[in-house]
PDB file of N, CA and C in Angstrom:
ATOM      1  N   UNK A   1      41.692 152.490  80.289  1.00  0.00           N
ATOM      2  CA  UNK A   1      43.096 152.499  79.629  1.00  0.00           C
ATOM      3  C   UNK A   1      43.612 153.949  79.993  1.00  0.00           C
ATOM      4  N   UNK A   2      44.877 154.254  79.856  1.00  0.00           N
ATOM      5  CA  UNK A   2      45.596 155.403  79.990  1.00  0.00           C
ATOM      6  C   UNK A   2      45.893 156.156  78.718  1.00  0.00           C
ATOM      7  N   UNK A   3      45.340 155.551  77.719  1.00  0.00           N
ATOM      8  CA  UNK A   3      45.562 156.304  76.360  1.00  0.00           C
ATOM      9  C   UNK A   3      44.290 156.629  75.661  1.00  0.00           C
ATOM     10  N   UNK A   4      44.271 157.482  74.563  1.00  0.00           N
ATOM     11  CA  UNK A   4      43.196 158.037  73.985  1.00  0.00           C
ATOM     12  C   UNK A   4      43.209 157.272  72.610  1.00  0.00           C
ATOM     13  N   UNK A   5      42.056 156.915  72.034  1.00  0.00           N
ATOM     14  CA  UNK A   5      41.817 156.328  70.842  1.00  0.00           C
ATOM     15  C   UNK A   5      40.465 155.601  70.695  1.00  0.00           C
ATOM     16  N   UNK A   6      40.551 154.518  69.873  1.00  0.00           N
ATOM     17  CA  UNK A   6      39.319 153.690  69.673  1.00  0.00           C
ATOM     18  C   UNK A   6      39.548 152.247  70.099  1.00  0.00           C
ATOM     19  N   UNK A   7      38.673 151.813  70.784  1.00  0.00           N
ATOM     20  CA  UNK A   7      38.789 150.264  71.046  1.00  0.00           C
ATOM     21  C   UNK A   7      37.568 149.558  70.210  1.00  0.00           C
ATOM     22  N   UNK A   8      37.906 148.383  69.586  1.00  0.00           N
ATOM     23  CA  UNK A   8      36.981 147.660  68.905  1.00  0.00           C
ATOM     24  C   UNK A   8      36.275 146.675  69.770  1.00  0.00           C
ATOM     25  N   UNK A   9      34.996 146.795  69.804  1.00  0.00           N
ATOM     26  CA  UNK A   9      34.326 145.667  70.462  1.00  0.00           C
ATOM     27  C   UNK A   9      34.117 144.505  69.859  1.00  0.00           C
ATOM     28  N   UNK A  10      33.991 143.329  70.576  1.00  0.00           N
ATOM     29  CA  UNK A  10      33.763 141.901  69.667  1.00  0.00           C
ATOM     30  C   UNK A  10      32.641 141.938  68.687  1.00  0.00           C
ATOM     31  N   UNK A  11      31.550 142.867  69.013  1.00  0.00           N
ATOM     32  CA  UNK A  11      30.402 142.755  68.098  1.00  0.00           C
ATOM     33  C   UNK A  11      30.753 143.820  66.811  1.00  0.00           C
ATOM     34  N   UNK A  12      31.926 144.285  66.784  1.00  0.00           N
ATOM     35  CA  UNK A  12      32.431 145.079  65.704  1.00  0.00           C
ATOM     36  C   UNK A  12      32.122 146.693  65.778  1.00  0.00           C
ATOM     37  N   UNK A  13      31.335 147.026  66.894  1.00  0.00           N
ATOM     38  CA  UNK A  13      31.283 148.589  67.225  1.00  0.00           C
ATOM     39  C   UNK A  13      32.531 149.061  67.948  1.00  0.00           C
ATOM     40  N   UNK A  14      32.641 150.509  67.907  1.00  0.00           N
ATOM     41  CA  UNK A  14      33.815 150.944  68.573  1.00  0.00           C
ATOM     42  C   UNK A  14      33.332 152.026  69.423  1.00  0.00           C
ATOM     43  N   UNK A  15      34.337 152.322  70.396  1.00  0.00           N
ATOM     44  CA  UNK A  15      33.934 153.451  71.393  1.00  0.00           C
ATOM     45  C   UNK A  15      35.131 154.298  71.697  1.00  0.00           C
ATOM     46  N   UNK A  16      34.973 155.555  71.803  1.00  0.00           N
ATOM     47  CA  UNK A  16      36.247 156.478  72.101  1.00  0.00           C
ATOM     48  C   UNK A  16      36.651 156.355  73.438  1.00  0.00           C
ATOM     49  N   UNK A  17      37.949 156.252  73.575  1.00  0.00           N
ATOM     50  CA  UNK A  17      38.579 156.368  74.864  1.00  0.00           C
ATOM     51  C   UNK A  17      39.394 157.660  74.989  1.00  0.00           C
ATOM     52  N   UNK A  18      38.943 158.455  76.113  1.00  0.00           N
ATOM     53  CA  UNK A  18      39.636 159.724  76.221  1.00  0.00           C
ATOM     54  C   UNK A  18      40.619 159.462  77.574  1.00  0.00           C
ATOM     55  N   UNK A  19      41.851 160.075  77.665  1.00  0.00           N
ATOM     56  CA  UNK A  19      42.643 160.089  78.740  1.00  0.00           C
ATOM     57  C   UNK A  19      42.097 161.073  79.730  1.00  0.00           C
ATOM     58  N   UNK A  20      42.649 161.095  80.951  1.00  0.00           N
ATOM     59  CA  UNK A  20      42.161 161.895  81.944  1.00  0.00           C
ATOM     60  C   UNK A  20      42.501 163.419  81.692  1.00  0.00           C
ATOM     61  N   UNK A  21      43.568 163.759  81.049  1.00  0.00           N
ATOM     62  CA  UNK A  21      43.897 165.114  80.816  1.00  0.00           C
ATOM     63  C   UNK A  21      43.061 165.703  79.734  1.00  0.00           C
ATOM     64  N   UNK A  22      42.584 164.780  78.777  1.00  0.00           N
ATOM     65  CA  UNK A  22      41.455 165.182  77.802  1.00  0.00           C
ATOM     66  C   UNK A  22      40.269 165.598  78.445  1.00  0.00           C
ATOM     67  N   UNK A  23      39.718 164.709  79.368  1.00  0.00           N
ATOM     68  CA  UNK A  23      38.623 164.957  80.128  1.00  0.00           C
ATOM     69  C   UNK A  23      38.461 166.257  80.834  1.00  0.00           C
ATOM     70  N   UNK A  24      39.584 166.401  81.561  1.00  0.00           N
ATOM     71  CA  UNK A  24      39.852 167.466  82.455  1.00  0.00           C
ATOM     72  C   UNK A  24      39.716 168.896  81.685  1.00  0.00           C
ATOM     73  N   UNK A  25      40.315 168.571  80.382  1.00  0.00           N
ATOM     74  CA  UNK A  25      40.465 169.910  79.567  1.00  0.00           C
ATOM     75  C   UNK A  25      39.084 170.116  78.977  1.00  0.00           C
ATOM     76  N   UNK A  26      38.315 169.008  78.625  1.00  0.00           N
ATOM     77  CA  UNK A  26      36.916 169.375  78.325  1.00  0.00           C
ATOM     78  C   UNK A  26      36.026 170.021  79.229  1.00  0.00           C
ATOM     79  N   UNK A  27      36.167 169.484  80.475  1.00  0.00           N
ATOM     80  CA  UNK A  27      35.344 170.071  81.567  1.00  0.00           C
ATOM     81  C   UNK A  27      35.811 171.480  81.930  1.00  0.00           C
ATOM     82  N   UNK A  28      36.961 171.880  81.817  1.00  0.00           N
ATOM     83  CA  UNK A  28      37.345 173.189  82.144  1.00  0.00           C
ATOM     84  C   UNK A  28      36.930 174.295  81.113  1.00  0.00           C
ATOM     85  N   UNK A  29      36.648 173.806  79.848  1.00  0.00           N
ATOM     86  CA  UNK A  29      36.235 174.799  78.790  1.00  0.00           C
ATOM     87  C   UNK A  29      34.785 175.066  78.915  1.00  0.00           C
TER      88      UNK A  29
END
């Protein structure tokens, strides 16, 4: 996905979605 947030899995767990700019910002720090 191109957006950041949480997606809920069918089993009720969730995982974090980061957009590309957020990932690049984390890697550059």
